[in-house]
Amino acid sequence: MFTARADLSGLRRLEASVIADLTIGAQTAVQDVSEKATEAAQGSPTFKDKTCRLRQSILLDSLRVVFGHRVEAIVRASTPYAWFVHAGTKAHEIWPRAMYRSMGPLRKGQTRRGRHEGKGGPEFALGLGKFLRWEDPGGEEHFARMVHHPGTTARPFLAETIPIAAARLQGALIRMCESVARRWSN
């Protein structure tokens, strides 16, 4: 008869230590790759940025460990128009804003004006939601009741960084796993 016994109590401690090392390594790898992806998106030649607001708004928003084993990083562009640059827009009509407290339905694409916008003088008719006004690059003023916007082409400045980030992350995770394996193989 043969009896074999094994004490596995140290295995749990070893497992917890290896998982902790892998989690820390994954956090470091994801943070490094996310910072590189942020820099790539900020320097993207895909879109033109006249004011630099869009480029400056592209930031690594958060890095976190989810459920103790998944590492996430969020790179975000926070300007209100970032999605329209990234995904593009369809052709649409632009209407002036309706007057504050105006009654009745709004046209598609029309919004209501704030409380103190468009009071008095030549601005009064504009504030009633009757006209749009803009200046062309030559300084000439134009008025219209409605304009047809042709839409914009998508400029996926965030999505173009995904293949680059994925390749870098794969390499970083392989190096991290090799490092942890060397450490714990002794």
C-alpha atoms as a PDB file:
ATOM      1  CA  MET A   1       0.000   0.000   0.000  1.00  0.00           C
ATOM      2  CA  PHE A   2       1.205   3.470  -0.883  1.00  0.00           C
ATOM      3  CA  THR A   3       0.190   6.743   0.864  1.00  0.00           C
ATOM      4  CA  ALA A   4       1.153  10.176  -0.437  1.00  0.00           C
ATOM      5  CA  ARG A   5       0.627  13.477   1.320  1.00  0.00           C
ATOM      6  CA  ALA A   6       1.300  16.994   0.113  1.00  0.00           C
ATOM      7  CA  ASP A   7       1.200  20.227   2.101  1.00  0.00           C
ATOM      8  CA  LEU A   8      -0.311  22.885  -0.187  1.00  0.00           C
ATOM      9  CA  SER A   9      -0.650  25.650   2.410  1.00  0.00           C
ATOM     10  CA  GLY A  10       2.258  27.629   0.921  1.00  0.00           C
ATOM     11  CA  LEU A  11       0.707  27.371  -2.536  1.00  0.00           C
ATOM     12  CA  ARG A  12      -2.128  29.780  -1.634  1.00  0.00           C
ATOM     13  CA  ARG A  13       0.367  32.407  -0.462  1.00  0.00           C
ATOM     14  CA  LEU A  14       2.432  31.890  -3.597  1.00  0.00           C
ATOM     15  CA  GLU A  15      -0.682  32.194  -5.782  1.00  0.00           C
ATOM     16  CA  ALA A  16      -1.727  35.445  -4.080  1.00  0.00           C
ATOM     17  CA  SER A  17       1.785  36.897  -4.481  1.00  0.00           C
ATOM     18  CA  VAL A  18       1.956  35.964  -8.169  1.00  0.00           C
ATOM     19  CA  ILE A  19      -1.494  37.464  -8.807  1.00  0.00           C
ATOM     20  CA  ALA A  20      -0.487  40.674  -6.987  1.00  0.00           C
ATOM     21  CA  ASP A  21       2.701  40.922  -9.098  1.00  0.00           C
ATOM     22  CA  LEU A  22       0.735  40.298 -12.309  1.00  0.00           C
ATOM     23  CA  THR A  23      -1.856  42.938 -11.375  1.00  0.00           C
ATOM     24  CA  ILE A  24       0.791  45.567 -10.616  1.00  0.00           C
ATOM     25  CA  GLY A  25       2.625  44.697 -13.839  1.00  0.00           C
ATOM     26  CA  ALA A  26      -0.604  44.894 -15.850  1.00  0.00           C
ATOM     27  CA  GLN A  27      -1.430  48.292 -14.317  1.00  0.00           C
ATOM     28  CA  THR A  28       2.003  49.627 -15.254  1.00  0.00           C
ATOM     29  CA  ALA A  29       1.766  48.214 -18.793  1.00  0.00           C
ATOM     30  CA  VAL A  30      -1.754  49.572 -19.375  1.00  0.00           C
ATOM     31  CA  GLN A  31      -0.822  52.992 -17.999  1.00  0.00           C
ATOM     32  CA  ASP A  32       2.283  53.253 -20.202  1.00  0.00           C
ATOM     33  CA  VAL A  33       0.406  52.166 -23.321  1.00  0.00           C
ATOM     34  CA  SER A  34      -2.536  54.483 -22.540  1.00  0.00           C
ATOM     35  CA  GLU A  35      -0.206  57.453 -22.124  1.00  0.00           C
ATOM     36  CA  LYS A  36       1.392  56.653 -25.503  1.00  0.00           C
ATOM     37  CA  ALA A  37      -2.085  56.317 -27.083  1.00  0.00           C
ATOM     38  CA  THR A  38      -3.078  59.683 -25.591  1.00  0.00           C
ATOM     39  CA  GLU A  39       0.029  61.322 -27.068  1.00  0.00           C
ATOM     40  CA  ALA A  40      -0.667  59.696 -30.454  1.00  0.00           C
ATOM     41  CA  ALA A  41      -4.275  60.944 -30.465  1.00  0.00           C
ATOM     42  CA  GLN A  42      -3.186  64.452 -29.433  1.00  0.00           C
ATOM     43  CA  GLY A  43      -0.646  64.568 -32.259  1.00  0.00           C
ATOM     44  CA  SER A  44      -2.961  62.991 -34.825  1.00  0.00           C
ATOM     45  CA  PRO A  45      -2.808  64.596 -38.284  1.00  0.00           C
ATOM     46  CA  THR A  46      -6.292  63.181 -38.982  1.00  0.00           C
ATOM     47  CA  PHE A  47      -8.086  66.373 -37.944  1.00  0.00           C
ATOM     48  CA  LYS A  48      -7.410  70.101 -38.030  1.00  0.00           C
ATOM     49  CA  ASP A  49      -7.784  71.908 -34.726  1.00  0.00           C
ATOM     50  CA  LYS A  50      -7.893  75.685 -35.085  1.00  0.00           C
ATOM     51  CA  THR A  51      -8.152  76.469 -31.360  1.00  0.00           C
ATOM     52  CA  CYS A  52      -6.202  73.465 -29.921  1.00  0.00           C
ATOM     53  CA  ARG A  53      -9.109  72.857 -27.505  1.00  0.00           C
ATOM     54  CA  LEU A  54      -9.801  69.383 -28.913  1.00  0.00           C
ATOM     55  CA  ARG A  55      -6.146  68.298 -28.739  1.00  0.00           C
ATOM     56  CA  GLN A  56      -5.794  69.648 -25.189  1.00  0.00           C
ATOM     57  CA  SER A  57      -8.957  67.835 -24.082  1.00  0.00           C
ATOM     58  CA  ILE A  58      -7.604  64.384 -25.046  1.00  0.00           C
ATOM     59  CA  LEU A  59      -6.457  62.918 -21.728  1.00  0.00           C
ATOM     60  CA  LEU A  60      -5.992  59.641 -19.894  1.00  0.00           C
ATOM     61  CA  ASP A  61      -9.194  59.934 -17.869  1.00  0.00           C
ATOM     62  CA  SER A  62      -8.899  56.974 -15.520  1.00  0.00           C
ATOM     63  CA  LEU A  63      -6.893  53.865 -14.801  1.00  0.00           C
ATOM     64  CA  ARG A  64      -8.479  51.287 -12.523  1.00  0.00           C
ATOM     65  CA  VAL A  65      -8.543  47.647 -11.564  1.00  0.00           C
ATOM     66  CA  VAL A  66     -12.021  46.156 -11.977  1.00  0.00           C
ATOM     67  CA  PHE A  67     -13.116  43.112  -9.955  1.00  0.00           C
ATOM     68  CA  GLY A  68      -9.552  42.707  -8.689  1.00  0.00           C
ATOM     69  CA  HIS A  69      -8.225  41.232 -11.931  1.00  0.00           C
ATOM     70  CA  ARG A  70      -9.092  43.404 -14.948  1.00  0.00           C
ATOM     71  CA  VAL A  71      -7.181  46.629 -15.643  1.00  0.00           C
ATOM     72  CA  GLU A  72      -8.962  49.383 -17.585  1.00  0.00           C
ATOM     73  CA  ALA A  73      -7.791  52.725 -18.892  1.00  0.00           C
ATOM     74  CA  ILE A  74     -10.034  55.342 -20.476  1.00  0.00           C
ATOM     75  CA  VAL A  75      -8.642  57.887 -22.932  1.00  0.00           C
ATOM     76  CA  ARG A  76     -11.232  60.593 -23.477  1.00  0.00           C
ATOM     77  CA  ALA A  77     -11.672  63.794 -25.464  1.00  0.00           C
ATOM     78  CA  SER A  78     -13.857  66.060 -23.330  1.00  0.00           C
ATOM     79  CA  THR A  79     -14.816  68.914 -25.664  1.00  0.00           C
ATOM     80  CA  PRO A  80     -18.545  68.960 -26.499  1.00  0.00           C
ATOM     81  CA  TYR A  81     -17.822  68.574 -30.227  1.00  0.00           C
ATOM     82  CA  ALA A  82     -15.225  65.764 -29.979  1.00  0.00           C
ATOM     83  CA  TRP A  83     -17.691  63.036 -30.976  1.00  0.00           C
ATOM     84  CA  PHE A  84     -18.823  65.001 -34.041  1.00  0.00           C
ATOM     85  CA  VAL A  85     -15.200  65.288 -35.224  1.00  0.00           C
ATOM     86  CA  HIS A  86     -14.510  61.622 -34.454  1.00  0.00           C
ATOM     87  CA  ALA A  87     -17.689  60.123 -35.954  1.00  0.00           C
ATOM     88  CA  GLY A  88     -18.691  62.836 -38.457  1.00  0.00           C
ATOM     89  CA  THR A  89     -22.181  64.237 -38.994  1.00  0.00           C
ATOM     90  CA  LYS A  90     -24.930  63.750 -41.554  1.00  0.00           C
ATOM     91  CA  ALA A  91     -26.286  66.608 -43.634  1.00  0.00           C
ATOM     92  CA  HIS A  92     -28.737  68.578 -41.484  1.00  0.00           C
ATOM     93  CA  GLU A  93     -30.597  71.860 -41.142  1.00  0.00           C
ATOM     94  CA  ILE A  94     -29.565  74.496 -38.618  1.00  0.00           C
ATOM     95  CA  TRP A  95     -32.336  76.699 -37.224  1.00  0.00           C
ATOM     96  CA  PRO A  96     -32.038  79.683 -34.879  1.00  0.00           C
ATOM     97  CA  ARG A  97     -32.780  79.037 -31.230  1.00  0.00           C
ATOM     98  CA  ALA A  98     -36.357  79.666 -30.155  1.00  0.00           C
ATOM     99  CA  MET A  99     -36.988  82.547 -27.751  1.00  0.00           C
ATOM    100  CA  TYR A 100     -36.774  81.901 -24.001  1.00  0.00           C
ATOM    101  CA  ARG A 101     -40.173  80.654 -22.732  1.00  0.00           C
ATOM    102  CA  SER A 102     -41.522  80.418 -26.277  1.00  0.00           C
ATOM    103  CA  MET A 103     -44.551  78.174 -26.640  1.00  0.00           C
ATOM    104  CA  GLY A 104     -45.200  75.463 -29.149  1.00  0.00           C
ATOM    105  CA  PRO A 105     -43.155  72.725 -30.732  1.00  0.00           C
ATOM    106  CA  LEU A 106     -39.605  73.180 -31.950  1.00  0.00           C
ATOM    107  CA  ARG A 107     -38.387  72.329 -35.426  1.00  0.00           C
ATOM    108  CA  LYS A 108     -35.988  69.430 -35.821  1.00  0.00           C
ATOM    109  CA  GLY A 109     -32.539  70.726 -34.880  1.00  0.00           C
ATOM    110  CA  GLN A 110     -33.880  73.783 -33.016  1.00  0.00           C
ATOM    111  CA  THR A 111     -33.278  74.434 -29.309  1.00  0.00           C
ATOM    112  CA  ARG A 112     -34.624  76.983 -26.839  1.00  0.00           C
ATOM    113  CA  ARG A 113     -32.591  80.053 -25.931  1.00  0.00           C
ATOM    114  CA  GLY A 114     -31.363  80.677 -22.386  1.00  0.00           C
ATOM    115  CA  ARG A 115     -32.957  83.315 -20.167  1.00  0.00           C
ATOM    116  CA  HIS A 116     -30.597  86.248 -20.846  1.00  0.00           C
ATOM    117  CA  GLU A 117     -29.470  85.578 -24.406  1.00  0.00           C
ATOM    118  CA  GLY A 118     -30.348  88.047 -27.198  1.00  0.00           C
ATOM    119  CA  LYS A 119     -31.850  91.064 -25.360  1.00  0.00           C
ATOM    120  CA  GLY A 120     -32.395  94.496 -26.961  1.00  0.00           C
ATOM    121  CA  GLY A 121     -31.143  96.370 -30.053  1.00  0.00           C
ATOM    122  CA  PRO A 122     -30.414  94.581 -33.336  1.00  0.00           C
ATOM    123  CA  GLU A 123     -29.859  91.439 -31.276  1.00  0.00           C
ATOM    124  CA  PHE A 124     -33.550  91.401 -30.329  1.00  0.00           C
ATOM    125  CA  ALA A 125     -34.779  89.826 -33.595  1.00  0.00           C
ATOM    126  CA  LEU A 126     -31.986  87.286 -33.360  1.00  0.00           C
ATOM    127  CA  GLY A 127     -33.044  86.498 -29.781  1.00  0.00           C
ATOM    128  CA  LEU A 128     -36.592  85.767 -30.918  1.00  0.00           C
ATOM    129  CA  GLY A 129     -35.378  82.769 -32.865  1.00  0.00           C
ATOM    130  CA  LYS A 130     -36.054  84.270 -36.282  1.00  0.00           C
ATOM    131  CA  PHE A 131     -32.552  84.604 -37.784  1.00  0.00           C
ATOM    132  CA  LEU A 132     -29.098  83.112 -37.774  1.00  0.00           C
ATOM    133  CA  ARG A 133     -26.169  85.512 -38.039  1.00  0.00           C
ATOM    134  CA  TRP A 134     -22.504  84.891 -38.850  1.00  0.00           C
ATOM    135  CA  GLU A 135     -19.487  86.656 -40.259  1.00  0.00           C
ATOM    136  CA  ASP A 136     -17.498  85.227 -43.135  1.00  0.00           C
ATOM    137  CA  PRO A 137     -13.663  85.302 -43.026  1.00  0.00           C
ATOM    138  CA  GLY A 138     -13.746  88.674 -44.840  1.00  0.00           C
ATOM    139  CA  GLY A 139     -15.769  90.216 -41.988  1.00  0.00           C
ATOM    140  CA  GLU A 140     -19.032  90.489 -43.958  1.00  0.00           C
ATOM    141  CA  GLU A 141     -22.159  89.815 -41.898  1.00  0.00           C
ATOM    142  CA  HIS A 142     -24.796  87.357 -43.163  1.00  0.00           C
ATOM    143  CA  PHE A 143     -28.326  86.550 -41.985  1.00  0.00           C
ATOM    144  CA  ALA A 144     -30.556  83.566 -42.740  1.00  0.00           C
ATOM    145  CA  ARG A 145     -33.706  81.955 -41.358  1.00  0.00           C
ATOM    146  CA  MET A 146     -32.201  78.482 -41.778  1.00  0.00           C
ATOM    147  CA  VAL A 147     -29.080  76.943 -43.326  1.00  0.00           C
ATOM    148  CA  HIS A 148     -28.395  73.500 -44.801  1.00  0.00           C
ATOM    149  CA  HIS A 149     -25.215  72.075 -43.317  1.00  0.00           C
ATOM    150  CA  PRO A 150     -23.602  69.517 -45.674  1.00  0.00           C
ATOM    151  CA  GLY A 151     -22.337  67.366 -42.796  1.00  0.00           C
ATOM    152  CA  THR A 152     -18.757  66.521 -41.896  1.00  0.00           C
ATOM    153  CA  THR A 153     -16.453  63.622 -42.698  1.00  0.00           C
ATOM    154  CA  ALA A 154     -15.517  61.358 -39.802  1.00  0.00           C
ATOM    155  CA  ARG A 155     -11.994  61.871 -38.478  1.00  0.00           C
ATOM    156  CA  PRO A 156     -11.513  58.883 -36.110  1.00  0.00           C
ATOM    157  CA  PHE A 157      -8.518  60.266 -34.219  1.00  0.00           C
ATOM    158  CA  LEU A 158      -9.093  58.026 -31.164  1.00  0.00           C
ATOM    159  CA  ALA A 159      -9.870  54.810 -33.060  1.00  0.00           C
ATOM    160  CA  GLU A 160      -6.698  55.066 -35.158  1.00  0.00           C
ATOM    161  CA  THR A 161      -4.585  54.669 -32.004  1.00  0.00           C
ATOM    162  CA  ILE A 162      -6.162  51.296 -31.077  1.00  0.00           C
ATOM    163  CA  PRO A 163      -4.014  49.026 -33.321  1.00  0.00           C
ATOM    164  CA  ILE A 164      -0.840  50.787 -32.170  1.00  0.00           C
ATOM    165  CA  ALA A 165      -1.870  50.554 -28.510  1.00  0.00           C
ATOM    166  CA  ALA A 166      -2.891  46.884 -28.849  1.00  0.00           C
ATOM    167  CA  ALA A 167       0.494  45.912 -30.318  1.00  0.00           C
ATOM    168  CA  ARG A 168       2.362  47.839 -27.611  1.00  0.00           C
ATOM    169  CA  LEU A 169       0.176  46.351 -24.867  1.00  0.00           C
ATOM    170  CA  GLN A 170       0.733  42.818 -26.113  1.00  0.00           C
ATOM    171  CA  GLY A 171       4.498  43.330 -26.050  1.00  0.00           C
ATOM    172  CA  ALA A 172       4.412  44.962 -22.608  1.00  0.00           C
ATOM    173  CA  LEU A 173       2.280  42.157 -21.130  1.00  0.00           C
ATOM    174  CA  ILE A 174       4.563  39.456 -22.566  1.00  0.00           C
ATOM    175  CA  ARG A 175       7.609  41.172 -21.028  1.00  0.00           C
ATOM    176  CA  MET A 176       5.764  41.549 -17.717  1.00  0.00           C
ATOM    177  CA  CYS A 177       4.763  37.843 -17.625  1.00  0.00           C
ATOM    178  CA  GLU A 178       8.338  36.796 -18.435  1.00  0.00           C
ATOM    179  CA  SER A 179       9.617  38.999 -15.608  1.00  0.00           C
ATOM    180  CA  VAL A 180       7.143  37.535 -13.099  1.00  0.00           C
ATOM    181  CA  ALA A 181       7.971  33.983 -14.258  1.00  0.00           C
ATOM    182  CA  ARG A 182      11.716  34.619 -13.785  1.00  0.00           C
ATOM    183  CA  ARG A 183      11.097  36.057 -10.319  1.00  0.00           C
ATOM    184  CA  TRP A 184       8.995  33.141  -9.100  1.00  0.00           C
ATOM    185  CA  SER A 185      10.899  30.330 -10.821  1.00  0.00           C
ATOM    186  CA  ASN A 186      13.776  30.606  -8.344  1.00  0.00           C
END
